[in-house]
PDB file of N, CA and C in Angstrom:
ATOM      1  N   MET A   1      -6.326   2.612  33.386  1.00  0.00           N
ATOM      2  CA  MET A   1      -7.670   2.148  33.602  1.00  0.00           C
ATOM      3  C   MET A   1      -7.804   1.704  35.065  1.00  0.00           C
ATOM      4  N   SER A   2      -8.868   2.107  35.703  1.00  0.00           N
ATOM      5  CA  SER A   2      -9.099   1.705  37.093  1.00  0.00           C
ATOM      6  C   SER A   2      -9.949   0.435  37.128  1.00  0.00           C
ATOM      7  N   PHE A   3      -9.813  -0.281  38.223  1.00  0.00           N
ATOM      8  CA  PHE A   3     -10.522  -1.539  38.410  1.00  0.00           C
ATOM      9  C   PHE A   3     -10.783  -1.675  39.898  1.00  0.00           C
ATOM     10  N   SER A   4     -12.045  -1.772  40.299  1.00  0.00           N
ATOM     11  CA  SER A   4     -12.347  -1.828  41.732  1.00  0.00           C
ATOM     12  C   SER A   4     -12.968  -3.169  42.116  1.00  0.00           C
ATOM     13  N   ILE A   5     -12.564  -3.628  43.305  1.00  0.00           N
ATOM     14  CA  ILE A   5     -13.054  -4.891  43.851  1.00  0.00           C
ATOM     15  C   ILE A   5     -13.564  -4.639  45.268  1.00  0.00           C
ATOM     16  N   ALA A   6     -14.743  -5.160  45.552  1.00  0.00           N
ATOM     17  CA  ALA A   6     -15.279  -5.111  46.917  1.00  0.00           C
ATOM     18  C   ALA A   6     -15.447  -6.551  47.387  1.00  0.00           C
ATOM     19  N   THR A   7     -15.257  -6.769  48.675  1.00  0.00           N
ATOM     20  CA  THR A   7     -15.448  -8.100  49.249  1.00  0.00           C
ATOM     21  C   THR A   7     -16.283  -7.970  50.518  1.00  0.00           C
ATOM     22  N   TRP A   8     -17.107  -8.981  50.781  1.00  0.00           N
ATOM     23  CA  TRP A   8     -18.051  -8.869  51.892  1.00  0.00           C
ATOM     24  C   TRP A   8     -18.376 -10.263  52.435  1.00  0.00           C
ATOM     25  N   ASN A   9     -18.192 -10.459  53.713  1.00  0.00           N
ATOM     26  CA  ASN A   9     -18.657 -11.665  54.395  1.00  0.00           C
ATOM     27  C   ASN A   9     -20.122 -11.401  54.725  1.00  0.00           C
ATOM     28  N   ILE A  10     -20.994 -11.833  53.854  1.00  0.00           N
ATOM     29  CA  ILE A  10     -22.377 -11.358  53.829  1.00  0.00           C
ATOM     30  C   ILE A  10     -23.324 -12.084  54.792  1.00  0.00           C
ATOM     31  N   ASN A  11     -23.002 -13.313  55.181  1.00  0.00           N
ATOM     32  CA  ASN A  11     -23.842 -14.066  56.112  1.00  0.00           C
ATOM     33  C   ASN A  11     -25.293 -14.160  55.619  1.00  0.00           C
ATOM     34  N   SER A  12     -25.465 -14.653  54.411  1.00  0.00           N
ATOM     35  CA  SER A  12     -26.745 -14.905  53.733  1.00  0.00           C
ATOM     36  C   SER A  12     -27.035 -13.847  52.672  1.00  0.00           C
ATOM     37  N   VAL A  13     -26.729 -14.183  51.439  1.00  0.00           N
ATOM     38  CA  VAL A  13     -26.930 -13.248  50.332  1.00  0.00           C
ATOM     39  C   VAL A  13     -28.413 -12.947  50.109  1.00  0.00           C
ATOM     40  N   ARG A  14     -29.272 -13.934  50.225  1.00  0.00           N
ATOM     41  CA  ARG A  14     -30.700 -13.677  49.979  1.00  0.00           C
ATOM     42  C   ARG A  14     -31.300 -12.767  51.042  1.00  0.00           C
ATOM     43  N   LEU A  15     -30.896 -12.940  52.278  1.00  0.00           N
ATOM     44  CA  LEU A  15     -31.401 -12.106  53.366  1.00  0.00           C
ATOM     45  C   LEU A  15     -30.971 -10.646  53.199  1.00  0.00           C
ATOM     46  N   ARG A  16     -29.789 -10.431  52.670  1.00  0.00           N
ATOM     47  CA  ARG A  16     -29.231  -9.082  52.588  1.00  0.00           C
ATOM     48  C   ARG A  16     -29.284  -8.472  51.184  1.00  0.00           C
ATOM     49  N   MET A  17     -30.057  -9.050  50.299  1.00  0.00           N
ATOM     50  CA  MET A  17     -30.104  -8.557  48.920  1.00  0.00           C
ATOM     51  C   MET A  17     -30.462  -7.076  48.814  1.00  0.00           C
ATOM     52  N   PRO A  18     -31.381  -6.531  49.599  1.00  0.00           N
ATOM     53  CA  PRO A  18     -31.639  -5.087  49.501  1.00  0.00           C
ATOM     54  C   PRO A  18     -30.398  -4.237  49.817  1.00  0.00           C
ATOM     55  N   ILE A  19     -29.593  -4.677  50.759  1.00  0.00           N
ATOM     56  CA  ILE A  19     -28.372  -3.938  51.107  1.00  0.00           C
ATOM     57  C   ILE A  19     -27.335  -4.110  50.002  1.00  0.00           C
ATOM     58  N   VAL A  20     -27.254  -5.307  49.436  1.00  0.00           N
ATOM     59  CA  VAL A  20     -26.338  -5.557  48.318  1.00  0.00           C
ATOM     60  C   VAL A  20     -26.696  -4.647  47.148  1.00  0.00           C
ATOM     61  N   GLU A  21     -27.974  -4.557  46.837  1.00  0.00           N
ATOM     62  CA  GLU A  21     -28.420  -3.708  45.728  1.00  0.00           C
ATOM     63  C   GLU A  21     -28.011  -2.258  45.955  1.00  0.00           C
ATOM     64  N   ARG A  22     -28.173  -1.777  47.166  1.00  0.00           N
ATOM     65  CA  ARG A  22     -27.773  -0.397  47.477  1.00  0.00           C
ATOM     66  C   ARG A  22     -26.266  -0.222  47.315  1.00  0.00           C
ATOM     67  N   LEU A  23     -25.499  -1.162  47.831  1.00  0.00           N
ATOM     68  CA  LEU A  23     -24.041  -1.100  47.696  1.00  0.00           C
ATOM     69  C   LEU A  23     -23.629  -1.039  46.224  1.00  0.00           C
ATOM     70  N   LEU A  24     -24.208  -1.897  45.406  1.00  0.00           N
ATOM     71  CA  LEU A  24     -23.824  -1.932  43.998  1.00  0.00           C
ATOM     72  C   LEU A  24     -24.244  -0.671  43.257  1.00  0.00           C
ATOM     73  N   ARG A  25     -25.387  -0.110  43.596  1.00  0.00           N
ATOM     74  CA  ARG A  25     -25.813   1.150  42.963  1.00  0.00           C
ATOM     75  C   ARG A  25     -24.936   2.315  43.392  1.00  0.00           C
ATOM     76  N   GLU A  26     -24.612   2.395  44.675  1.00  0.00           N
ATOM     77  CA  GLU A  26     -23.869   3.546  45.202  1.00  0.00           C
ATOM     78  C   GLU A  26     -22.363   3.459  44.966  1.00  0.00           C
ATOM     79  N   GLN A  27     -21.783   2.287  45.119  1.00  0.00           N
ATOM     80  CA  GLN A  27     -20.327   2.140  45.008  1.00  0.00           C
ATOM     81  C   GLN A  27     -19.884   1.634  43.634  1.00  0.00           C
ATOM     82  N   ALA A  28     -20.717   0.867  42.981  1.00  0.00           N
ATOM     83  CA  ALA A  28     -20.471   0.343  41.631  1.00  0.00           C
ATOM     84  C   ALA A  28     -19.096  -0.291  41.439  1.00  0.00           C
ATOM     85  N   PRO A  29     -18.703  -1.242  42.297  1.00  0.00           N
ATOM     86  CA  PRO A  29     -17.420  -1.909  42.061  1.00  0.00           C
ATOM     87  C   PRO A  29     -17.491  -2.732  40.774  1.00  0.00           C
ATOM     88  N   ASP A  30     -16.353  -2.939  40.144  1.00  0.00           N
ATOM     89  CA  ASP A  30     -16.317  -3.790  38.956  1.00  0.00           C
ATOM     90  C   ASP A  30     -16.583  -5.243  39.333  1.00  0.00           C
ATOM     91  N   VAL A  31     -16.107  -5.627  40.511  1.00  0.00           N
ATOM     92  CA  VAL A  31     -16.238  -7.004  40.989  1.00  0.00           C
ATOM     93  C   VAL A  31     -16.668  -6.981  42.453  1.00  0.00           C
ATOM     94  N   LEU A  32     -17.596  -7.858  42.801  1.00  0.00           N
ATOM     95  CA  LEU A  32     -17.991  -8.046  44.196  1.00  0.00           C
ATOM     96  C   LEU A  32     -17.780  -9.514  44.543  1.00  0.00           C
ATOM     97  N   CYS A  33     -16.971  -9.764  45.576  1.00  0.00           N
ATOM     98  CA  CYS A  33     -16.715 -11.118  46.067  1.00  0.00           C
ATOM     99  C   CYS A  33     -17.472 -11.297  47.377  1.00  0.00           C
ATOM    100  N   LEU A  34     -18.233 -12.358  47.467  1.00  0.00           N
ATOM    101  CA  LEU A  34     -19.055 -12.615  48.650  1.00  0.00           C
ATOM    102  C   LEU A  34     -18.643 -13.920  49.316  1.00  0.00           C
ATOM    103  N   GLN A  35     -18.610 -13.910  50.638  1.00  0.00           N
ATOM    104  CA  GLN A  35     -18.356 -15.108  51.423  1.00  0.00           C
ATOM    105  C   GLN A  35     -19.564 -15.361  52.325  1.00  0.00           C
ATOM    106  N   GLU A  36     -19.726 -16.616  52.711  1.00  0.00           N
ATOM    107  CA  GLU A  36     -20.840 -17.032  53.579  1.00  0.00           C
ATOM    108  C   GLU A  36     -22.194 -16.702  52.932  1.00  0.00           C
ATOM    109  N   THR A  37     -22.345 -17.061  51.663  1.00  0.00           N
ATOM    110  CA  THR A  37     -23.598 -16.785  50.954  1.00  0.00           C
ATOM    111  C   THR A  37     -24.766 -17.616  51.487  1.00  0.00           C
ATOM    112  N   LYS A  38     -24.466 -18.781  52.011  1.00  0.00           N
ATOM    113  CA  LYS A  38     -25.468 -19.649  52.659  1.00  0.00           C
ATOM    114  C   LYS A  38     -26.678 -19.946  51.771  1.00  0.00           C
ATOM    115  N   VAL A  39     -26.393 -20.301  50.519  1.00  0.00           N
ATOM    116  CA  VAL A  39     -27.470 -20.615  49.582  1.00  0.00           C
ATOM    117  C   VAL A  39     -26.972 -21.678  48.597  1.00  0.00           C
ATOM    118  N   PRO A  40     -27.800 -22.697  48.317  1.00  0.00           N
ATOM    119  CA  PRO A  40     -27.385 -23.671  47.304  1.00  0.00           C
ATOM    120  C   PRO A  40     -27.359 -23.012  45.919  1.00  0.00           C
ATOM    121  N   ASP A  41     -26.554 -23.550  45.039  1.00  0.00           N
ATOM    122  CA  ASP A  41     -26.379 -22.951  43.713  1.00  0.00           C
ATOM    123  C   ASP A  41     -27.698 -22.687  42.992  1.00  0.00           C
ATOM    124  N   GLU A  42     -28.624 -23.623  43.078  1.00  0.00           N
ATOM    125  CA  GLU A  42     -29.878 -23.475  42.325  1.00  0.00           C
ATOM    126  C   GLU A  42     -30.760 -22.340  42.842  1.00  0.00           C
ATOM    127  N   LEU A  43     -30.480 -21.805  44.028  1.00  0.00           N
ATOM    128  CA  LEU A  43     -31.277 -20.702  44.578  1.00  0.00           C
ATOM    129  C   LEU A  43     -30.516 -19.374  44.639  1.00  0.00           C
ATOM    130  N   PHE A  44     -29.300 -19.336  44.096  1.00  0.00           N
ATOM    131  CA  PHE A  44     -28.535 -18.085  44.116  1.00  0.00           C
ATOM    132  C   PHE A  44     -29.298 -17.024  43.314  1.00  0.00           C
ATOM    133  N   PRO A  45     -29.414 -15.796  43.835  1.00  0.00           N
ATOM    134  CA  PRO A  45     -30.232 -14.748  43.197  1.00  0.00           C
ATOM    135  C   PRO A  45     -29.578 -14.092  41.975  1.00  0.00           C
ATOM    136  N   GLU A  46     -29.304 -14.891  40.954  1.00  0.00           N
ATOM    137  CA  GLU A  46     -28.649 -14.381  39.742  1.00  0.00           C
ATOM    138  C   GLU A  46     -29.413 -13.235  39.088  1.00  0.00           C
ATOM    139  N   LYS A  47     -30.721 -13.362  38.976  1.00  0.00           N
ATOM    140  CA  LYS A  47     -31.523 -12.343  38.281  1.00  0.00           C
ATOM    141  C   LYS A  47     -31.365 -10.972  38.911  1.00  0.00           C
ATOM    142  N   ALA A  48     -31.315 -10.909  40.229  1.00  0.00           N
ATOM    143  CA  ALA A  48     -31.169  -9.623  40.919  1.00  0.00           C
ATOM    144  C   ALA A  48     -29.842  -8.965  40.564  1.00  0.00           C
ATOM    145  N   PHE A  49     -28.770  -9.755  40.485  1.00  0.00           N
ATOM    146  CA  PHE A  49     -27.464  -9.200  40.127  1.00  0.00           C
ATOM    147  C   PHE A  49     -27.442  -8.767  38.664  1.00  0.00           C
ATOM    148  N   ARG A  50     -28.003  -9.575  37.786  1.00  0.00           N
ATOM    149  CA  ARG A  50     -28.025  -9.232  36.362  1.00  0.00           C
ATOM    150  C   ARG A  50     -28.812  -7.941  36.121  1.00  0.00           C
ATOM    151  N   LYS A  51     -29.888  -7.774  36.850  1.00  0.00           N
ATOM    152  CA  LYS A  51     -30.708  -6.568  36.724  1.00  0.00           C
ATOM    153  C   LYS A  51     -29.903  -5.309  37.064  1.00  0.00           C
ATOM    154  N   LEU A  52     -28.908  -5.452  37.938  1.00  0.00           N
ATOM    155  CA  LEU A  52     -28.059  -4.332  38.346  1.00  0.00           C
ATOM    156  C   LEU A  52     -26.834  -4.167  37.450  1.00  0.00           C
ATOM    157  N   GLY A  53     -26.739  -4.961  36.386  1.00  0.00           N
ATOM    158  CA  GLY A  53     -25.623  -4.825  35.452  1.00  0.00           C
ATOM    159  C   GLY A  53     -24.453  -5.747  35.720  1.00  0.00           C
ATOM    160  N   TYR A  54     -24.614  -6.674  36.650  1.00  0.00           N
ATOM    161  CA  TYR A  54     -23.560  -7.638  36.962  1.00  0.00           C
ATOM    162  C   TYR A  54     -23.918  -8.953  36.259  1.00  0.00           C
ATOM    163  N   GLU A  55     -23.594  -8.992  34.973  1.00  0.00           N
ATOM    164  CA  GLU A  55     -23.980 -10.097  34.097  1.00  0.00           C
ATOM    165  C   GLU A  55     -23.119 -11.339  34.264  1.00  0.00           C
ATOM    166  N   HIS A  56     -21.955 -11.180  34.845  1.00  0.00           N
ATOM    167  CA  HIS A  56     -20.985 -12.265  34.930  1.00  0.00           C
ATOM    168  C   HIS A  56     -20.931 -12.755  36.373  1.00  0.00           C
ATOM    169  N   ILE A  57     -21.329 -13.999  36.580  1.00  0.00           N
ATOM    170  CA  ILE A  57     -21.541 -14.511  37.932  1.00  0.00           C
ATOM    171  C   ILE A  57     -20.959 -15.912  38.065  1.00  0.00           C
ATOM    172  N   ALA A  58     -20.252 -16.128  39.164  1.00  0.00           N
ATOM    173  CA  ALA A  58     -19.758 -17.465  39.506  1.00  0.00           C
ATOM    174  C   ALA A  58     -20.082 -17.696  40.976  1.00  0.00           C
ATOM    175  N   PHE A  59     -20.567 -18.881  41.303  1.00  0.00           N
ATOM    176  CA  PHE A  59     -20.886 -19.158  42.699  1.00  0.00           C
ATOM    177  C   PHE A  59     -20.643 -20.625  43.009  1.00  0.00           C
ATOM    178  N   HIS A  60     -20.435 -20.878  44.282  1.00  0.00           N
ATOM    179  CA  HIS A  60     -20.179 -22.228  44.783  1.00  0.00           C
ATOM    180  C   HIS A  60     -20.842 -22.276  46.155  1.00  0.00           C
ATOM    181  N   GLY A  61     -22.042 -22.808  46.206  1.00  0.00           N
ATOM    182  CA  GLY A  61     -22.799 -22.707  47.443  1.00  0.00           C
ATOM    183  C   GLY A  61     -23.397 -24.005  47.923  1.00  0.00           C
ATOM    184  N   GLN A  62     -23.889 -23.935  49.134  1.00  0.00           N
ATOM    185  CA  GLN A  62     -24.591 -25.048  49.752  1.00  0.00           C
ATOM    186  C   GLN A  62     -25.582 -24.477  50.754  1.00  0.00           C
ATOM    187  N   LYS A  63     -26.557 -25.261  51.101  1.00  0.00           N
ATOM    188  CA  LYS A  63     -27.610 -24.801  51.998  1.00  0.00           C
ATOM    189  C   LYS A  63     -27.086 -24.579  53.413  1.00  0.00           C
ATOM    190  N   GLY A  64     -27.441 -23.427  53.974  1.00  0.00           N
ATOM    191  CA  GLY A  64     -27.263 -23.188  55.400  1.00  0.00           C
ATOM    192  C   GLY A  64     -25.952 -22.634  55.887  1.00  0.00           C
ATOM    193  N   TYR A  65     -24.851 -22.953  55.209  1.00  0.00           N
ATOM    194  CA  TYR A  65     -23.576 -22.423  55.687  1.00  0.00           C
ATOM    195  C   TYR A  65     -22.557 -22.417  54.549  1.00  0.00           C
ATOM    196  N   HIS A  66     -21.494 -21.685  54.769  1.00  0.00           N
ATOM    197  CA  HIS A  66     -20.425 -21.503  53.784  1.00  0.00           C
ATOM    198  C   HIS A  66     -20.976 -20.860  52.504  1.00  0.00           C
ATOM    199  N   GLY A  67     -20.330 -21.093  51.410  1.00  0.00           N
ATOM    200  CA  GLY A  67     -20.741 -20.554  50.125  1.00  0.00           C
ATOM    201  C   GLY A  67     -19.997 -19.280  49.770  1.00  0.00           C
ATOM    202  N   VAL A  68     -19.587 -19.197  48.502  1.00  0.00           N
ATOM    203  CA  VAL A  68     -18.863 -18.036  47.996  1.00  0.00           C
ATOM    204  C   VAL A  68     -19.397 -17.684  46.613  1.00  0.00           C
ATOM    205  N   ALA A  69     -19.228 -16.427  46.237  1.00  0.00           N
ATOM    206  CA  ALA A  69     -19.670 -15.982  44.918  1.00  0.00           C
ATOM    207  C   ALA A  69     -18.833 -14.792  44.470  1.00  0.00           C
ATOM    208  N   THR A  70     -18.720 -14.664  43.156  1.00  0.00           N
ATOM    209  CA  THR A  70     -18.106 -13.488  42.548  1.00  0.00           C
ATOM    210  C   THR A  70     -19.058 -13.003  41.475  1.00  0.00           C
ATOM    211  N   VAL A  71     -19.398 -11.721  41.524  1.00  0.00           N
ATOM    212  CA  VAL A  71     -20.224 -11.112  40.485  1.00  0.00           C
ATOM    213  C   VAL A  71     -19.415  -9.971  39.881  1.00  0.00           C
ATOM    214  N   ALA A  72     -19.538  -9.803  38.566  1.00  0.00           N
ATOM    215  CA  ALA A  72     -18.688  -8.823  37.897  1.00  0.00           C
ATOM    216  C   ALA A  72     -19.417  -8.150  36.744  1.00  0.00           C
ATOM    217  N   ARG A  73     -19.009  -6.916  36.489  1.00  0.00           N
ATOM    218  CA  ARG A  73     -19.508  -6.202  35.315  1.00  0.00           C
ATOM    219  C   ARG A  73     -18.685  -6.566  34.087  1.00  0.00           C
ATOM    220  N   ARG A  74     -17.502  -7.101  34.326  1.00  0.00           N
ATOM    221  CA  ARG A  74     -16.606  -7.518  33.245  1.00  0.00           C
ATOM    222  C   ARG A  74     -16.638  -9.043  33.151  1.00  0.00           C
ATOM    223  N   PRO A  75     -16.312  -9.583  31.991  1.00  0.00           N
ATOM    224  CA  PRO A  75     -16.391 -11.040  31.814  1.00  0.00           C
ATOM    225  C   PRO A  75     -15.497 -11.831  32.765  1.00  0.00           C
ATOM    226  N   ILE A  76     -16.047 -12.908  33.263  1.00  0.00           N
ATOM    227  CA  ILE A  76     -15.291 -13.881  34.044  1.00  0.00           C
ATOM    228  C   ILE A  76     -14.861 -14.961  33.057  1.00  0.00           C
ATOM    229  N   GLU A  77     -13.549 -15.137  32.920  1.00  0.00           N
ATOM    230  CA  GLU A  77     -13.039 -16.055  31.907  1.00  0.00           C
ATOM    231  C   GLU A  77     -12.773 -17.460  32.426  1.00  0.00           C
ATOM    232  N   ILE A  78     -12.361 -17.583  33.666  1.00  0.00           N
ATOM    233  CA  ILE A  78     -12.023 -18.888  34.230  1.00  0.00           C
ATOM    234  C   ILE A  78     -12.694 -19.017  35.592  1.00  0.00           C
ATOM    235  N   VAL A  79     -13.318 -20.145  35.838  1.00  0.00           N
ATOM    236  CA  VAL A  79     -13.930 -20.420  37.136  1.00  0.00           C
ATOM    237  C   VAL A  79     -13.464 -21.797  37.593  1.00  0.00           C
ATOM    238  N   GLU A  80     -12.946 -21.857  38.801  1.00  0.00           N
ATOM    239  CA  GLU A  80     -12.565 -23.136  39.396  1.00  0.00           C
ATOM    240  C   GLU A  80     -13.200 -23.239  40.779  1.00  0.00           C
ATOM    241  N   LYS A  81     -14.048 -24.233  40.950  1.00  0.00           N
ATOM    242  CA  LYS A  81     -14.603 -24.529  42.271  1.00  0.00           C
ATOM    243  C   LYS A  81     -13.613 -25.468  42.941  1.00  0.00           C
ATOM    244  N   ARG A  82     -13.029 -25.011  44.030  1.00  0.00           N
ATOM    245  CA  ARG A  82     -11.954 -25.777  44.649  1.00  0.00           C
ATOM    246  C   ARG A  82     -12.389 -26.419  45.959  1.00  0.00           C
ATOM    247  N   ARG A  83     -11.818 -27.568  46.211  1.00  0.00           N
ATOM    248  CA  ARG A  83     -12.009 -28.271  47.477  1.00  0.00           C
ATOM    249  C   ARG A  83     -10.619 -28.575  48.007  1.00  0.00           C
ATOM    250  N   PHE A  84     -10.369 -28.181  49.233  1.00  0.00           N
ATOM    251  CA  PHE A  84      -9.073 -28.406  49.848  1.00  0.00           C
ATOM    252  C   PHE A  84      -9.202 -29.426  50.973  1.00  0.00           C
ATOM    253  N   CYS A  85      -8.151 -30.175  51.207  1.00  0.00           N
ATOM    254  CA  CYS A  85      -8.056 -31.097  52.348  1.00  0.00           C
ATOM    255  C   CYS A  85      -9.168 -32.144  52.359  1.00  0.00           C
ATOM    256  N   GLU A  86      -9.641 -32.534  51.171  1.00  0.00           N
ATOM    257  CA  GLU A  86     -10.680 -33.569  51.087  1.00  0.00           C
ATOM    258  C   GLU A  86     -11.981 -33.169  51.782  1.00  0.00           C
ATOM    259  N   ILE A  87     -12.208 -31.884  51.957  1.00  0.00           N
ATOM    260  CA  ILE A  87     -13.419 -31.380  52.612  1.00  0.00           C
ATOM    261  C   ILE A  87     -14.397 -30.930  51.531  1.00  0.00           C
ATOM    262  N   GLU A  88     -15.656 -31.277  51.676  1.00  0.00           N
ATOM    263  CA  GLU A  88     -16.665 -30.977  50.667  1.00  0.00           C
ATOM    264  C   GLU A  88     -17.357 -29.623  50.860  1.00  0.00           C
ATOM    265  N   ASP A  89     -16.932 -28.831  51.822  1.00  0.00           N
ATOM    266  CA  ASP A  89     -17.550 -27.525  52.054  1.00  0.00           C
ATOM    267  C   ASP A  89     -17.334 -26.605  50.855  1.00  0.00           C
ATOM    268  N   CYS A  90     -18.320 -25.792  50.568  1.00  0.00           N
ATOM    269  CA  CYS A  90     -18.239 -24.845  49.449  1.00  0.00           C
ATOM    270  C   CYS A  90     -17.632 -23.539  49.948  1.00  0.00           C
ATOM    271  N   ARG A  91     -16.327 -23.529  50.108  1.00  0.00           N
ATOM    272  CA  ARG A  91     -15.639 -22.375  50.682  1.00  0.00           C
ATOM    273  C   ARG A  91     -14.699 -21.672  49.719  1.00  0.00           C
ATOM    274  N   HIS A  92     -14.392 -22.287  48.579  1.00  0.00           N
ATOM    275  CA  HIS A  92     -13.355 -21.730  47.715  1.00  0.00           C
ATOM    276  C   HIS A  92     -13.827 -21.632  46.271  1.00  0.00           C
ATOM    277  N   LEU A  93     -13.532 -20.498  45.668  1.00  0.00           N
ATOM    278  CA  LEU A  93     -13.860 -20.247  44.273  1.00  0.00           C
ATOM    279  C   LEU A  93     -12.741 -19.394  43.701  1.00  0.00           C
ATOM    280  N   SER A  94     -12.183 -19.823  42.614  1.00  0.00           N
ATOM    281  CA  SER A  94     -11.115 -19.073  41.964  1.00  0.00           C
ATOM    282  C   SER A  94     -11.636 -18.599  40.612  1.00  0.00           C
ATOM    283  N   VAL A  95     -11.537 -17.301  40.348  1.00  0.00           N
ATOM    284  CA  VAL A  95     -12.003 -16.755  39.070  1.00  0.00           C
ATOM    285  C   VAL A  95     -10.941 -15.851  38.461  1.00  0.00           C
ATOM    286  N   THR A  96     -11.008 -15.721  37.155  1.00  0.00           N
ATOM    287  CA  THR A  96     -10.202 -14.741  36.436  1.00  0.00           C
ATOM    288  C   THR A  96     -11.176 -13.798  35.756  1.00  0.00           C
ATOM    289  N   VAL A  97     -11.051 -12.513  36.059  1.00  0.00           N
ATOM    290  CA  VAL A  97     -11.937 -11.494  35.497  1.00  0.00           C
ATOM    291  C   VAL A  97     -11.147 -10.692  34.476  1.00  0.00           C
ATOM    292  N   ARG A  98     -11.713 -10.510  33.303  1.00  0.00           N
ATOM    293  CA  ARG A  98     -11.055  -9.725  32.262  1.00  0.00           C
ATOM    294  C   ARG A  98     -10.996  -8.260  32.694  1.00  0.00           C
ATOM    295  N   ALA A  99      -9.814  -7.690  32.640  1.00  0.00           N
ATOM    296  CA  ALA A  99      -9.622  -6.279  33.042  1.00  0.00           C
ATOM    297  C   ALA A  99     -10.007  -5.332  31.929  1.00  0.00           C
TER     298      ALA A  99
END
């Protein structure tokens, strides 16, 4: 069984959503990992990803800078929002995706 993962330092997920949609339609990775989403959790564009078949979503974001997300076509079983070195930046997200 094959399993594909794409990763992208996106520099604002909301700004680049049309390009993300094209990538997901054309390349169809099982998992997409995003860095520098630059969006607080309550404004993450979940509906747009779900509409494209990426029903399983984990994100850890903040306004204006940093932020990470994982979207998947397969179930995400474990999500850990991590903070290292006593820093409150939303830079780390650990997920387990069912293969």
